[in-house]
């Protein structure tokens, strides 16, 4: 798709066929966090693309549907310069495929931290009575029951790496790649099956933890 916008965009939709309240939804949430941080700026997609200076923004998220008649999709995207679209596609596909790898490929420590990121973020997002009331109302509307979310953290903490691996192998393998760019002649990405014999190691904190104290009072 050619655009007059000087920036380019990559959007990859995976046929997850996800449904609100399905038993595998917690595993998709973990897949989301491992690859894109679950609302926090981290994860394989974000760290690799940002670490290489390839993007303005990058993220992934799950959009579950209401039923098998209207299933959802798992989406990853990146905003970048036109010259970087092919590498962005490569990194995103590799990062999602990594979920099917060994515990070392996923990084067991990062996986465990992802559980905490999800449960902590959820608690902060829904700490007010108004937020909890809205969540209960939506869950009731979806047919899950008003108290469905009470056990959200339990469901997340129960997810294993093997469950995420199986989820990725069954629901995050078929995708459509869409590239919107003012320079379509630079797009070399081809359709077809990709296989990965191994995955490179990734430092999820390539620059370490830094604090700007330049303006602090002495």
N, C-alpha and C. Protein backbone atom coordinates (compact mmCIF):
# COMPACT_ATOMS: atom_id res chain seq x y z
N UNK A 1 0.85 -1.19 0.00
CA UNK A 1 0.00 0.00 0.00
C UNK A 1 0.88 1.23 0.00
N UNK A 2 0.76 2.08 -0.99
CA UNK A 2 1.56 3.29 -1.07
C UNK A 2 0.85 4.42 -0.36
N UNK A 3 1.62 5.22 0.38
CA UNK A 3 1.06 6.33 1.13
C UNK A 3 1.90 7.57 0.91
N UNK A 4 1.32 8.74 1.12
CA UNK A 4 2.07 9.99 1.00
C UNK A 4 2.72 10.37 2.33
N UNK A 5 2.42 9.63 3.39
CA UNK A 5 3.06 9.84 4.69
C UNK A 5 4.53 9.48 4.58
N UNK A 6 5.45 10.34 5.02
CA UNK A 6 6.87 10.02 4.92
C UNK A 6 7.30 8.84 5.77
N UNK A 7 6.50 8.50 6.77
CA UNK A 7 6.80 7.34 7.61
C UNK A 7 6.14 6.09 7.03
N UNK A 8 6.73 4.95 7.35
CA UNK A 8 6.17 3.67 6.91
C UNK A 8 5.62 2.91 8.10
N UNK A 9 4.71 2.00 7.83
CA UNK A 9 4.12 1.19 8.88
C UNK A 9 4.07 -0.27 8.50
N UNK A 10 4.38 -1.12 9.44
CA UNK A 10 4.29 -2.57 9.26
C UNK A 10 3.25 -3.11 10.24
N UNK A 11 2.27 -3.81 9.74
CA UNK A 11 1.25 -4.43 10.59
C UNK A 11 1.15 -5.91 10.21
N UNK A 12 1.32 -6.78 11.20
CA UNK A 12 1.25 -8.23 10.94
C UNK A 12 0.14 -8.81 11.80
N UNK A 13 -0.84 -9.38 11.16
CA UNK A 13 -1.97 -9.98 11.86
C UNK A 13 -1.88 -11.49 11.85
N UNK A 14 -1.85 -12.10 13.02
CA UNK A 14 -1.78 -13.56 13.15
C UNK A 14 -3.18 -14.12 13.40
N UNK A 15 -3.49 -15.20 12.70
CA UNK A 15 -4.82 -15.81 12.79
C UNK A 15 -4.95 -16.61 14.09
N UNK A 16 -5.01 -15.90 15.21
CA UNK A 16 -5.08 -16.56 16.52
C UNK A 16 -6.45 -17.13 16.81
N UNK A 17 -7.49 -16.57 16.15
CA UNK A 17 -8.88 -16.99 16.41
C UNK A 17 -9.19 -16.96 17.90
N UNK A 18 -8.64 -15.98 18.60
CA UNK A 18 -8.81 -15.90 20.05
C UNK A 18 -10.21 -15.43 20.42
N UNK A 19 -10.68 -15.90 21.56
CA UNK A 19 -12.03 -15.60 22.03
C UNK A 19 -11.96 -15.16 23.49
N UNK A 20 -12.71 -14.15 23.84
CA UNK A 20 -12.75 -13.64 25.21
C UNK A 20 -13.14 -14.76 26.18
N UNK A 21 -12.32 -14.97 27.20
CA UNK A 21 -12.63 -15.95 28.22
C UNK A 21 -12.24 -17.38 27.89
N UNK A 22 -11.62 -17.60 26.72
CA UNK A 22 -11.20 -18.96 26.37
C UNK A 22 -10.10 -19.43 27.30
N UNK A 23 -9.98 -20.73 27.54
CA UNK A 23 -8.97 -21.25 28.48
C UNK A 23 -7.54 -20.89 28.09
N UNK A 24 -7.29 -20.69 26.80
CA UNK A 24 -5.92 -20.40 26.34
C UNK A 24 -5.59 -18.90 26.37
N UNK A 25 -6.54 -18.05 26.72
CA UNK A 25 -6.29 -16.61 26.72
C UNK A 25 -5.13 -16.19 27.64
N UNK A 26 -4.97 -16.76 28.83
CA UNK A 26 -3.82 -16.39 29.65
C UNK A 26 -2.49 -16.68 28.96
N UNK A 27 -2.42 -17.76 28.18
CA UNK A 27 -1.18 -18.07 27.45
C UNK A 27 -0.92 -17.03 26.37
N UNK A 28 -1.98 -16.52 25.73
CA UNK A 28 -1.80 -15.46 24.75
C UNK A 28 -1.31 -14.18 25.44
N UNK A 29 -1.84 -13.92 26.63
CA UNK A 29 -1.38 -12.75 27.38
C UNK A 29 0.12 -12.85 27.68
N UNK A 30 0.58 -14.04 28.03
CA UNK A 30 2.02 -14.22 28.29
C UNK A 30 2.81 -14.07 27.00
N UNK A 31 2.29 -14.60 25.89
CA UNK A 31 2.97 -14.43 24.61
C UNK A 31 3.08 -12.95 24.26
N UNK A 32 2.03 -12.22 24.54
CA UNK A 32 2.02 -10.77 24.30
C UNK A 32 3.10 -10.09 25.13
N UNK A 33 3.16 -10.38 26.42
CA UNK A 33 4.10 -9.71 27.31
C UNK A 33 5.55 -10.06 26.96
N UNK A 34 5.82 -11.34 26.69
CA UNK A 34 7.18 -11.76 26.37
C UNK A 34 7.69 -11.04 25.13
N UNK A 35 6.82 -10.84 24.15
CA UNK A 35 7.26 -10.23 22.90
C UNK A 35 7.12 -8.72 22.87
N UNK A 36 6.20 -8.15 23.68
CA UNK A 36 5.97 -6.70 23.54
C UNK A 36 5.67 -5.97 24.84
N UNK A 37 5.75 -6.66 25.97
CA UNK A 37 5.68 -5.95 27.24
C UNK A 37 4.32 -5.77 27.89
N UNK A 38 3.24 -6.10 27.24
CA UNK A 38 1.91 -6.00 27.85
C UNK A 38 1.64 -4.61 28.42
N UNK A 39 1.83 -3.61 27.57
CA UNK A 39 1.60 -2.23 28.00
C UNK A 39 2.85 -1.51 28.46
N UNK A 40 3.90 -2.26 28.78
CA UNK A 40 5.17 -1.67 29.15
C UNK A 40 6.10 -1.69 27.93
N UNK A 41 7.00 -0.73 27.80
CA UNK A 41 7.92 -0.69 26.64
C UNK A 41 9.07 -1.66 26.80
N UNK A 42 8.82 -2.93 26.54
CA UNK A 42 9.87 -3.95 26.65
C UNK A 42 9.45 -5.16 25.82
N UNK A 43 10.15 -6.27 25.97
CA UNK A 43 9.85 -7.46 25.19
C UNK A 43 10.73 -7.55 23.95
N UNK A 44 10.76 -8.72 23.33
CA UNK A 44 11.67 -8.98 22.22
C UNK A 44 11.44 -8.03 21.05
N UNK A 45 10.20 -7.85 20.64
CA UNK A 45 9.92 -6.98 19.49
C UNK A 45 10.40 -5.56 19.78
N UNK A 46 10.02 -5.03 20.92
CA UNK A 46 10.36 -3.65 21.26
C UNK A 46 11.86 -3.48 21.44
N UNK A 47 12.50 -4.35 22.23
CA UNK A 47 13.91 -4.17 22.55
C UNK A 47 14.81 -4.33 21.33
N UNK A 48 14.51 -5.31 20.48
CA UNK A 48 15.36 -5.52 19.31
C UNK A 48 15.22 -4.37 18.33
N UNK A 49 14.00 -4.00 18.00
CA UNK A 49 13.80 -2.94 17.02
C UNK A 49 14.28 -1.60 17.54
N UNK A 50 13.98 -1.28 18.78
CA UNK A 50 14.44 -0.02 19.36
C UNK A 50 15.95 -0.05 19.57
N UNK A 51 16.46 -1.21 19.99
CA UNK A 51 17.90 -1.32 20.22
C UNK A 51 18.72 -1.11 18.95
N UNK A 52 18.17 -1.49 17.82
CA UNK A 52 18.86 -1.29 16.54
C UNK A 52 18.54 0.07 15.92
N UNK A 53 17.70 0.84 16.58
CA UNK A 53 17.35 2.15 16.06
C UNK A 53 16.51 2.10 14.79
N UNK A 54 15.65 1.08 14.70
CA UNK A 54 14.89 0.86 13.47
C UNK A 54 13.49 1.46 13.47
N UNK A 55 12.94 1.81 14.63
CA UNK A 55 11.52 2.17 14.69
C UNK A 55 11.29 3.42 15.54
N UNK A 56 10.13 4.03 15.28
CA UNK A 56 9.61 5.07 16.16
C UNK A 56 8.77 4.44 17.27
N UNK A 57 8.11 3.36 16.90
CA UNK A 57 7.23 2.67 17.84
C UNK A 57 7.07 1.23 17.39
N UNK A 58 6.89 0.33 18.36
CA UNK A 58 6.67 -1.08 18.04
C UNK A 58 5.91 -1.71 19.20
N UNK A 59 4.99 -2.60 18.87
CA UNK A 59 4.18 -3.21 19.92
C UNK A 59 3.47 -4.42 19.35
N UNK A 60 2.81 -5.16 20.22
CA UNK A 60 1.95 -6.28 19.83
C UNK A 60 0.82 -6.37 20.83
N UNK A 61 -0.30 -6.92 20.41
CA UNK A 61 -1.45 -7.03 21.31
C UNK A 61 -2.44 -8.06 20.79
N UNK A 62 -3.22 -8.59 21.71
CA UNK A 62 -4.25 -9.55 21.37
C UNK A 62 -5.60 -8.87 21.32
N UNK A 63 -6.37 -9.12 20.26
CA UNK A 63 -7.73 -8.61 20.13
C UNK A 63 -8.69 -9.80 20.06
N UNK A 64 -9.14 -10.31 21.20
CA UNK A 64 -10.02 -11.47 21.17
C UNK A 64 -11.41 -11.12 20.66
N UNK A 65 -12.03 -12.08 20.01
CA UNK A 65 -13.39 -11.90 19.54
C UNK A 65 -14.40 -12.38 20.57
N UNK A 66 -15.68 -12.25 20.22
CA UNK A 66 -16.74 -12.61 21.16
C UNK A 66 -17.13 -14.08 21.10
N UNK A 67 -16.90 -14.73 19.95
CA UNK A 67 -17.32 -16.12 19.80
C UNK A 67 -16.56 -16.74 18.63
N UNK A 68 -16.80 -18.03 18.40
CA UNK A 68 -16.17 -18.71 17.27
C UNK A 68 -16.65 -18.14 15.94
N UNK A 69 -17.83 -17.50 15.95
CA UNK A 69 -18.33 -16.87 14.72
C UNK A 69 -17.62 -15.56 14.42
N UNK A 70 -17.13 -14.91 15.48
CA UNK A 70 -16.40 -13.66 15.31
C UNK A 70 -15.11 -13.70 16.13
N UNK A 71 -14.17 -14.57 15.73
CA UNK A 71 -12.93 -14.71 16.50
C UNK A 71 -12.01 -13.50 16.33
N UNK A 72 -11.00 -13.44 17.19
CA UNK A 72 -10.10 -12.30 17.18
C UNK A 72 -8.79 -12.57 16.48
N UNK A 73 -7.84 -11.67 16.70
CA UNK A 73 -6.55 -11.72 16.01
C UNK A 73 -5.47 -11.20 16.94
N UNK A 74 -4.25 -11.66 16.73
CA UNK A 74 -3.09 -11.16 17.44
C UNK A 74 -2.31 -10.29 16.47
N UNK A 75 -2.05 -9.05 16.86
CA UNK A 75 -1.46 -8.07 15.94
C UNK A 75 -0.13 -7.56 16.48
N UNK A 76 0.86 -7.46 15.61
CA UNK A 76 2.13 -6.81 15.93
C UNK A 76 2.35 -5.71 14.90
N UNK A 77 2.95 -4.60 15.34
CA UNK A 77 3.15 -3.51 14.39
C UNK A 77 4.43 -2.75 14.69
N UNK A 78 4.87 -1.98 13.71
CA UNK A 78 6.04 -1.11 13.87
C UNK A 78 5.87 0.10 12.98
N UNK A 79 6.27 1.26 13.50
CA UNK A 79 6.32 2.49 12.72
C UNK A 79 7.78 2.83 12.49
N UNK A 80 8.17 3.04 11.24
CA UNK A 80 9.59 3.16 10.94
C UNK A 80 9.82 4.00 9.68
N UNK A 81 11.08 4.19 9.33
CA UNK A 81 11.43 4.81 8.07
C UNK A 81 11.28 3.77 6.96
N UNK A 82 10.95 4.21 5.74
CA UNK A 82 10.72 3.26 4.65
C UNK A 82 11.86 2.26 4.43
N UNK A 83 13.09 2.68 4.66
CA UNK A 83 14.23 1.80 4.42
C UNK A 83 14.30 0.63 5.40
N UNK A 84 13.54 0.71 6.50
CA UNK A 84 13.64 -0.30 7.55
C UNK A 84 12.50 -1.32 7.56
N UNK A 85 11.58 -1.23 6.63
CA UNK A 85 10.38 -2.08 6.71
C UNK A 85 10.71 -3.57 6.64
N UNK A 86 11.65 -3.96 5.81
CA UNK A 86 11.94 -5.38 5.66
C UNK A 86 12.56 -5.97 6.92
N UNK A 87 13.47 -5.23 7.53
CA UNK A 87 14.09 -5.72 8.76
C UNK A 87 13.07 -5.76 9.89
N UNK A 88 12.15 -4.80 9.90
CA UNK A 88 11.09 -4.81 10.93
C UNK A 88 10.23 -6.06 10.80
N UNK A 89 9.86 -6.41 9.57
CA UNK A 89 9.08 -7.63 9.35
C UNK A 89 9.86 -8.84 9.84
N UNK A 90 11.14 -8.91 9.49
CA UNK A 90 11.97 -10.05 9.88
C UNK A 90 12.04 -10.20 11.40
N UNK A 91 12.25 -9.09 12.11
CA UNK A 91 12.38 -9.13 13.56
C UNK A 91 11.08 -9.55 14.23
N UNK A 92 9.97 -9.01 13.75
CA UNK A 92 8.67 -9.35 14.34
C UNK A 92 8.36 -10.84 14.14
N UNK A 93 8.55 -11.34 12.93
CA UNK A 93 8.26 -12.75 12.67
C UNK A 93 9.17 -13.66 13.48
N UNK A 94 10.44 -13.29 13.58
CA UNK A 94 11.38 -14.09 14.37
C UNK A 94 11.00 -14.07 15.86
N UNK A 95 10.58 -12.91 16.35
CA UNK A 95 10.22 -12.78 17.77
C UNK A 95 9.00 -13.62 18.11
N UNK A 96 8.02 -13.66 17.22
CA UNK A 96 6.84 -14.49 17.46
C UNK A 96 7.19 -15.97 17.33
N UNK A 97 8.03 -16.32 16.34
CA UNK A 97 8.45 -17.71 16.18
C UNK A 97 9.27 -18.19 17.37
N UNK A 98 9.99 -17.27 18.02
CA UNK A 98 10.80 -17.61 19.19
C UNK A 98 9.97 -18.26 20.29
N UNK A 99 8.69 -17.91 20.34
CA UNK A 99 7.80 -18.47 21.36
C UNK A 99 7.67 -19.99 21.24
N UNK A 100 7.97 -20.53 20.06
CA UNK A 100 7.91 -21.97 19.86
C UNK A 100 9.23 -22.66 20.22
N UNK A 101 10.23 -21.88 20.61
CA UNK A 101 11.55 -22.42 20.89
C UNK A 101 11.66 -23.05 22.26
N UNK A 102 12.90 -23.28 22.67
CA UNK A 102 13.18 -23.89 23.97
C UNK A 102 13.01 -22.86 25.07
N UNK A 103 12.96 -23.30 26.34
CA UNK A 103 12.93 -22.33 27.45
C UNK A 103 14.09 -21.35 27.40
N UNK A 104 15.24 -21.80 26.89
CA UNK A 104 16.39 -20.89 26.77
C UNK A 104 16.12 -19.82 25.71
N UNK A 105 15.43 -20.19 24.64
CA UNK A 105 15.10 -19.22 23.60
C UNK A 105 14.16 -18.15 24.12
N UNK A 106 13.20 -18.59 24.92
CA UNK A 106 12.23 -17.65 25.49
C UNK A 106 12.84 -16.87 26.65
N UNK A 107 13.79 -17.50 27.35
CA UNK A 107 14.44 -16.94 28.54
C UNK A 107 13.49 -17.11 29.73
N UNK A 108 13.72 -18.17 30.49
CA UNK A 108 12.83 -18.52 31.60
C UNK A 108 12.71 -17.39 32.62
N UNK A 109 13.81 -16.68 32.87
CA UNK A 109 13.74 -15.56 33.83
C UNK A 109 12.83 -14.47 33.32
N UNK A 110 12.93 -14.15 32.03
CA UNK A 110 12.08 -13.13 31.45
C UNK A 110 10.62 -13.58 31.44
N UNK A 111 10.40 -14.87 31.21
CA UNK A 111 9.05 -15.41 31.24
C UNK A 111 8.43 -15.22 32.62
N UNK A 112 9.18 -15.53 33.66
CA UNK A 112 8.66 -15.37 35.02
C UNK A 112 8.42 -13.90 35.35
N UNK A 113 9.30 -13.03 34.91
CA UNK A 113 9.10 -11.60 35.12
C UNK A 113 7.86 -11.12 34.38
N UNK A 114 7.59 -11.72 33.24
CA UNK A 114 6.42 -11.31 32.46
C UNK A 114 5.13 -11.57 33.22
N UNK A 115 5.08 -12.66 33.97
CA UNK A 115 3.92 -12.92 34.80
C UNK A 115 3.68 -11.75 35.75
N UNK A 116 4.75 -11.30 36.40
CA UNK A 116 4.64 -10.20 37.35
C UNK A 116 4.25 -8.90 36.67
N UNK A 117 4.79 -8.66 35.48
CA UNK A 117 4.43 -7.45 34.74
C UNK A 117 2.94 -7.41 34.44
N UNK A 118 2.39 -8.55 34.02
CA UNK A 118 0.98 -8.61 33.68
C UNK A 118 0.10 -8.41 34.91
N UNK A 119 0.38 -9.15 35.96
CA UNK A 119 -0.49 -9.07 37.14
C UNK A 119 -0.37 -7.72 37.83
N UNK A 120 0.83 -7.17 37.87
CA UNK A 120 1.00 -5.84 38.48
C UNK A 120 0.32 -4.77 37.65
N UNK A 121 0.52 -4.83 36.33
CA UNK A 121 -0.12 -3.85 35.47
C UNK A 121 -1.63 -3.92 35.54
N UNK A 122 -2.16 -5.13 35.61
CA UNK A 122 -3.61 -5.30 35.71
C UNK A 122 -4.13 -4.73 37.03
N UNK A 123 -3.41 -4.97 38.12
CA UNK A 123 -3.84 -4.46 39.42
C UNK A 123 -3.86 -2.94 39.44
N UNK A 124 -2.84 -2.33 38.84
CA UNK A 124 -2.77 -0.87 38.80
C UNK A 124 -3.89 -0.30 37.92
N UNK A 125 -4.12 -0.95 36.78
CA UNK A 125 -5.14 -0.47 35.85
C UNK A 125 -6.54 -0.55 36.44
N UNK A 126 -6.76 -1.51 37.33
CA UNK A 126 -8.10 -1.74 37.87
C UNK A 126 -8.17 -1.54 39.38
N UNK A 127 -7.41 -0.57 39.89
CA UNK A 127 -7.38 -0.37 41.33
C UNK A 127 -8.54 0.48 41.86
N UNK A 128 -9.21 1.26 41.01
CA UNK A 128 -10.29 2.11 41.49
C UNK A 128 -11.63 1.35 41.45
N UNK A 129 -12.58 1.73 42.31
CA UNK A 129 -13.90 1.11 42.27
C UNK A 129 -14.58 1.26 40.91
N UNK A 130 -14.37 2.41 40.26
CA UNK A 130 -14.98 2.63 38.94
C UNK A 130 -14.44 1.65 37.91
N UNK A 131 -13.12 1.44 37.92
CA UNK A 131 -12.51 0.50 36.97
C UNK A 131 -12.98 -0.92 37.24
N UNK A 132 -13.07 -1.29 38.50
CA UNK A 132 -13.51 -2.64 38.86
C UNK A 132 -14.97 -2.86 38.49
N UNK A 133 -15.78 -1.83 38.67
CA UNK A 133 -17.19 -1.95 38.32
C UNK A 133 -17.37 -2.13 36.81
N UNK A 134 -16.60 -1.35 36.04
CA UNK A 134 -16.70 -1.48 34.59
C UNK A 134 -16.25 -2.86 34.13
N UNK A 135 -15.16 -3.35 34.72
CA UNK A 135 -14.65 -4.67 34.36
C UNK A 135 -15.67 -5.75 34.69
N UNK A 136 -16.29 -5.66 35.87
CA UNK A 136 -17.30 -6.64 36.27
C UNK A 136 -18.51 -6.60 35.34
N UNK A 137 -18.90 -5.39 34.94
CA UNK A 137 -20.05 -5.24 34.04
C UNK A 137 -19.75 -5.85 32.67
N UNK A 138 -18.55 -5.60 32.16
CA UNK A 138 -18.18 -6.15 30.86
C UNK A 138 -18.11 -7.68 30.90
N UNK A 139 -17.50 -8.22 31.95
CA UNK A 139 -17.42 -9.67 32.08
C UNK A 139 -18.80 -10.31 32.17
N UNK A 140 -19.71 -9.65 32.87
CA UNK A 140 -21.08 -10.14 32.95
C UNK A 140 -21.73 -10.07 31.58
N UNK A 141 -21.49 -8.99 30.86
CA UNK A 141 -22.05 -8.82 29.52
C UNK A 141 -21.52 -9.89 28.56
N UNK A 142 -20.25 -10.26 28.73
CA UNK A 142 -19.64 -11.28 27.88
C UNK A 142 -20.06 -12.69 28.25
N UNK A 143 -20.81 -12.82 29.34
CA UNK A 143 -21.26 -14.14 29.77
C UNK A 143 -20.25 -14.88 30.62
N UNK A 144 -19.26 -14.18 31.16
CA UNK A 144 -18.22 -14.81 31.97
C UNK A 144 -18.55 -14.77 33.45
N UNK A 145 -19.47 -13.90 33.84
CA UNK A 145 -19.78 -13.71 35.25
C UNK A 145 -19.11 -12.48 35.80
N UNK A 146 -19.78 -11.75 36.68
CA UNK A 146 -19.27 -10.48 37.17
C UNK A 146 -17.97 -10.63 37.95
N UNK A 147 -17.71 -11.81 38.51
CA UNK A 147 -16.50 -12.00 39.32
C UNK A 147 -15.42 -12.77 38.58
N UNK A 148 -15.53 -12.86 37.26
CA UNK A 148 -14.56 -13.63 36.46
C UNK A 148 -13.14 -13.11 36.65
N UNK A 149 -12.99 -11.81 36.73
CA UNK A 149 -11.65 -11.23 36.79
C UNK A 149 -10.98 -11.40 38.15
N UNK A 150 -11.72 -11.83 39.13
CA UNK A 150 -11.15 -12.01 40.47
C UNK A 150 -9.98 -12.98 40.47
N UNK A 151 -9.98 -13.92 39.51
CA UNK A 151 -8.94 -14.94 39.45
C UNK A 151 -7.99 -14.73 38.27
N UNK A 152 -7.95 -13.50 37.76
CA UNK A 152 -7.07 -13.20 36.63
C UNK A 152 -5.62 -13.52 36.97
N UNK A 153 -5.13 -13.05 38.09
CA UNK A 153 -3.74 -13.29 38.48
C UNK A 153 -3.45 -14.78 38.64
N UNK A 154 -4.39 -15.53 39.18
CA UNK A 154 -4.20 -16.97 39.35
C UNK A 154 -4.03 -17.65 37.99
N UNK A 155 -4.84 -17.23 37.02
CA UNK A 155 -4.75 -17.84 35.70
C UNK A 155 -3.41 -17.50 35.03
N UNK A 156 -2.96 -16.26 35.19
CA UNK A 156 -1.68 -15.86 34.59
C UNK A 156 -0.52 -16.61 35.24
N UNK A 157 -0.52 -16.70 36.56
CA UNK A 157 0.58 -17.34 37.27
C UNK A 157 0.63 -18.85 37.03
N UNK A 158 -0.46 -19.42 36.54
CA UNK A 158 -0.50 -20.86 36.29
C UNK A 158 0.04 -21.24 34.91
N UNK A 159 0.25 -20.25 34.04
CA UNK A 159 0.69 -20.53 32.67
C UNK A 159 2.16 -20.97 32.67
N UNK A 160 2.46 -22.01 31.91
CA UNK A 160 3.84 -22.51 31.79
C UNK A 160 4.42 -22.15 30.43
N UNK A 161 5.73 -22.26 30.32
CA UNK A 161 6.39 -22.00 29.04
C UNK A 161 5.89 -22.99 27.98
N UNK A 162 5.69 -24.23 28.37
CA UNK A 162 5.19 -25.23 27.41
C UNK A 162 3.81 -24.84 26.87
N UNK A 163 2.96 -24.29 27.72
CA UNK A 163 1.64 -23.86 27.26
C UNK A 163 1.76 -22.72 26.25
N UNK A 164 2.68 -21.80 26.48
CA UNK A 164 2.89 -20.71 25.52
C UNK A 164 3.46 -21.26 24.22
N UNK A 165 4.38 -22.22 24.33
CA UNK A 165 4.96 -22.83 23.13
C UNK A 165 3.87 -23.51 22.29
N UNK A 166 3.00 -24.28 22.94
CA UNK A 166 1.93 -24.96 22.24
C UNK A 166 0.93 -23.96 21.65
N UNK A 167 0.65 -22.91 22.39
CA UNK A 167 -0.24 -21.85 21.91
C UNK A 167 0.33 -21.20 20.67
N UNK A 168 1.62 -20.88 20.70
CA UNK A 168 2.26 -20.24 19.55
C UNK A 168 2.26 -21.14 18.32
N UNK A 169 2.49 -22.44 18.56
CA UNK A 169 2.53 -23.38 17.44
C UNK A 169 1.17 -23.58 16.79
N UNK A 170 0.10 -23.40 17.57
CA UNK A 170 -1.23 -23.65 17.04
C UNK A 170 -1.97 -22.38 16.59
N UNK A 171 -1.61 -21.22 17.17
CA UNK A 171 -2.40 -20.02 16.91
C UNK A 171 -1.59 -18.81 16.43
N UNK A 172 -0.27 -18.91 16.43
CA UNK A 172 0.54 -17.76 16.01
C UNK A 172 1.52 -18.15 14.91
N UNK A 173 1.04 -18.89 13.94
CA UNK A 173 1.90 -19.34 12.84
C UNK A 173 1.48 -18.80 11.48
N UNK A 174 0.18 -18.58 11.28
CA UNK A 174 -0.31 -18.07 10.00
C UNK A 174 -0.62 -16.58 10.15
N UNK A 175 -0.12 -15.78 9.21
CA UNK A 175 -0.28 -14.34 9.35
C UNK A 175 -0.39 -13.66 7.99
N UNK A 176 -0.83 -12.41 8.05
CA UNK A 176 -0.86 -11.53 6.89
C UNK A 176 0.02 -10.33 7.22
N UNK A 177 0.97 -10.03 6.34
CA UNK A 177 1.88 -8.90 6.52
C UNK A 177 1.40 -7.75 5.64
N UNK A 178 1.18 -6.60 6.26
CA UNK A 178 0.77 -5.41 5.53
C UNK A 178 1.80 -4.32 5.74
N UNK A 179 2.24 -3.71 4.65
CA UNK A 179 3.23 -2.63 4.72
C UNK A 179 2.67 -1.41 4.03
N UNK A 180 2.62 -0.31 4.75
CA UNK A 180 2.18 0.96 4.18
C UNK A 180 3.41 1.86 4.09
N UNK A 181 3.78 2.29 2.90
CA UNK A 181 5.04 2.99 2.71
C UNK A 181 4.98 3.95 1.53
N UNK A 182 5.70 5.09 1.62
CA UNK A 182 5.78 5.99 0.47
C UNK A 182 6.80 5.51 -0.56
N UNK A 183 7.55 4.44 -0.22
CA UNK A 183 8.58 3.92 -1.11
C UNK A 183 8.43 2.41 -1.28
N UNK A 184 7.38 1.99 -1.98
CA UNK A 184 7.12 0.55 -2.11
C UNK A 184 8.22 -0.21 -2.85
N UNK A 185 9.03 0.50 -3.60
CA UNK A 185 10.11 -0.18 -4.33
C UNK A 185 11.18 -0.75 -3.39
N UNK A 186 11.18 -0.30 -2.14
CA UNK A 186 12.15 -0.79 -1.17
C UNK A 186 11.65 -2.02 -0.42
N UNK A 187 10.44 -2.44 -0.68
CA UNK A 187 9.88 -3.62 0.00
C UNK A 187 10.34 -4.87 -0.73
N UNK A 188 11.06 -5.73 -0.03
CA UNK A 188 11.54 -6.99 -0.62
C UNK A 188 10.97 -8.22 0.09
N UNK A 189 10.15 -8.00 1.09
CA UNK A 189 9.54 -9.11 1.84
C UNK A 189 8.68 -9.96 0.92
N UNK A 190 8.88 -11.26 0.98
CA UNK A 190 8.14 -12.19 0.12
C UNK A 190 7.22 -13.08 0.96
N UNK A 191 6.08 -13.48 0.41
CA UNK A 191 5.21 -14.42 1.13
C UNK A 191 5.81 -15.82 1.16
N UNK A 192 5.31 -16.64 2.05
CA UNK A 192 5.79 -18.01 2.13
C UNK A 192 6.14 -18.42 3.55
N UNK A 193 6.47 -19.69 3.70
CA UNK A 193 6.78 -20.24 5.01
C UNK A 193 8.21 -19.89 5.43
N UNK A 194 8.37 -19.53 6.69
CA UNK A 194 9.69 -19.28 7.25
C UNK A 194 9.95 -20.29 8.36
N UNK A 195 11.17 -20.81 8.39
CA UNK A 195 11.57 -21.74 9.45
C UNK A 195 12.83 -21.20 10.11
N UNK A 196 12.99 -21.53 11.40
CA UNK A 196 14.11 -21.04 12.17
C UNK A 196 14.79 -22.21 12.87
N UNK A 197 16.06 -22.43 12.56
CA UNK A 197 16.80 -23.52 13.18
C UNK A 197 17.23 -23.15 14.59
N UNK A 198 17.43 -21.86 14.83
CA UNK A 198 17.84 -21.37 16.14
C UNK A 198 17.49 -19.90 16.26
N UNK A 199 17.62 -19.36 17.45
CA UNK A 199 17.30 -17.96 17.69
C UNK A 199 18.48 -17.28 18.39
N UNK A 200 18.85 -16.09 17.97
CA UNK A 200 19.97 -15.40 18.61
C UNK A 200 19.61 -14.95 20.01
N UNK A 201 20.62 -14.86 20.87
CA UNK A 201 20.39 -14.35 22.21
C UNK A 201 20.08 -12.86 22.15
N UNK A 202 19.18 -12.44 23.02
CA UNK A 202 18.78 -11.04 23.06
C UNK A 202 18.89 -10.53 24.48
N UNK A 203 19.55 -9.38 24.65
CA UNK A 203 19.63 -8.73 25.95
C UNK A 203 18.42 -7.82 26.07
N UNK A 204 17.50 -8.17 26.98
CA UNK A 204 16.27 -7.39 27.11
C UNK A 204 16.48 -6.05 27.81
N UNK A 205 17.66 -5.82 28.32
CA UNK A 205 17.99 -4.48 28.86
C UNK A 205 19.36 -4.10 28.30
N UNK A 206 19.44 -3.85 26.99
CA UNK A 206 20.74 -3.62 26.34
C UNK A 206 21.50 -2.43 26.88
N UNK A 207 20.82 -1.44 27.43
CA UNK A 207 21.51 -0.25 27.94
C UNK A 207 21.48 -0.18 29.46
N UNK A 208 20.98 -1.22 30.09
CA UNK A 208 20.92 -1.22 31.54
C UNK A 208 19.88 -0.25 32.06
N UNK A 209 19.80 -0.14 33.35
CA UNK A 209 18.86 0.78 33.99
C UNK A 209 19.57 2.11 34.21
N UNK A 210 19.02 3.17 33.66
CA UNK A 210 19.64 4.48 33.76
C UNK A 210 18.68 5.47 34.42
N UNK A 211 19.24 6.39 35.17
CA UNK A 211 18.45 7.41 35.82
C UNK A 211 19.04 8.77 35.51
N UNK A 212 18.19 9.71 35.13
CA UNK A 212 18.64 11.06 34.85
C UNK A 212 18.62 11.86 36.14
N UNK A 213 19.79 12.14 36.68
CA UNK A 213 19.89 12.87 37.95
C UNK A 213 20.49 14.26 37.73
N UNK A 214 20.59 14.66 36.46
CA UNK A 214 21.23 15.93 36.16
C UNK A 214 20.54 17.12 36.82
N UNK A 215 19.23 17.04 36.99
CA UNK A 215 18.50 18.16 37.56
C UNK A 215 18.20 18.01 39.03
N UNK A 216 18.78 17.02 39.67
CA UNK A 216 18.47 16.78 41.07
C UNK A 216 19.12 17.82 41.96
N UNK A 217 18.43 18.21 43.01
CA UNK A 217 18.98 19.17 43.95
C UNK A 217 20.05 18.52 44.81
N UNK A 218 21.06 19.31 45.15
CA UNK A 218 22.14 18.80 45.98
C UNK A 218 22.08 19.42 47.36
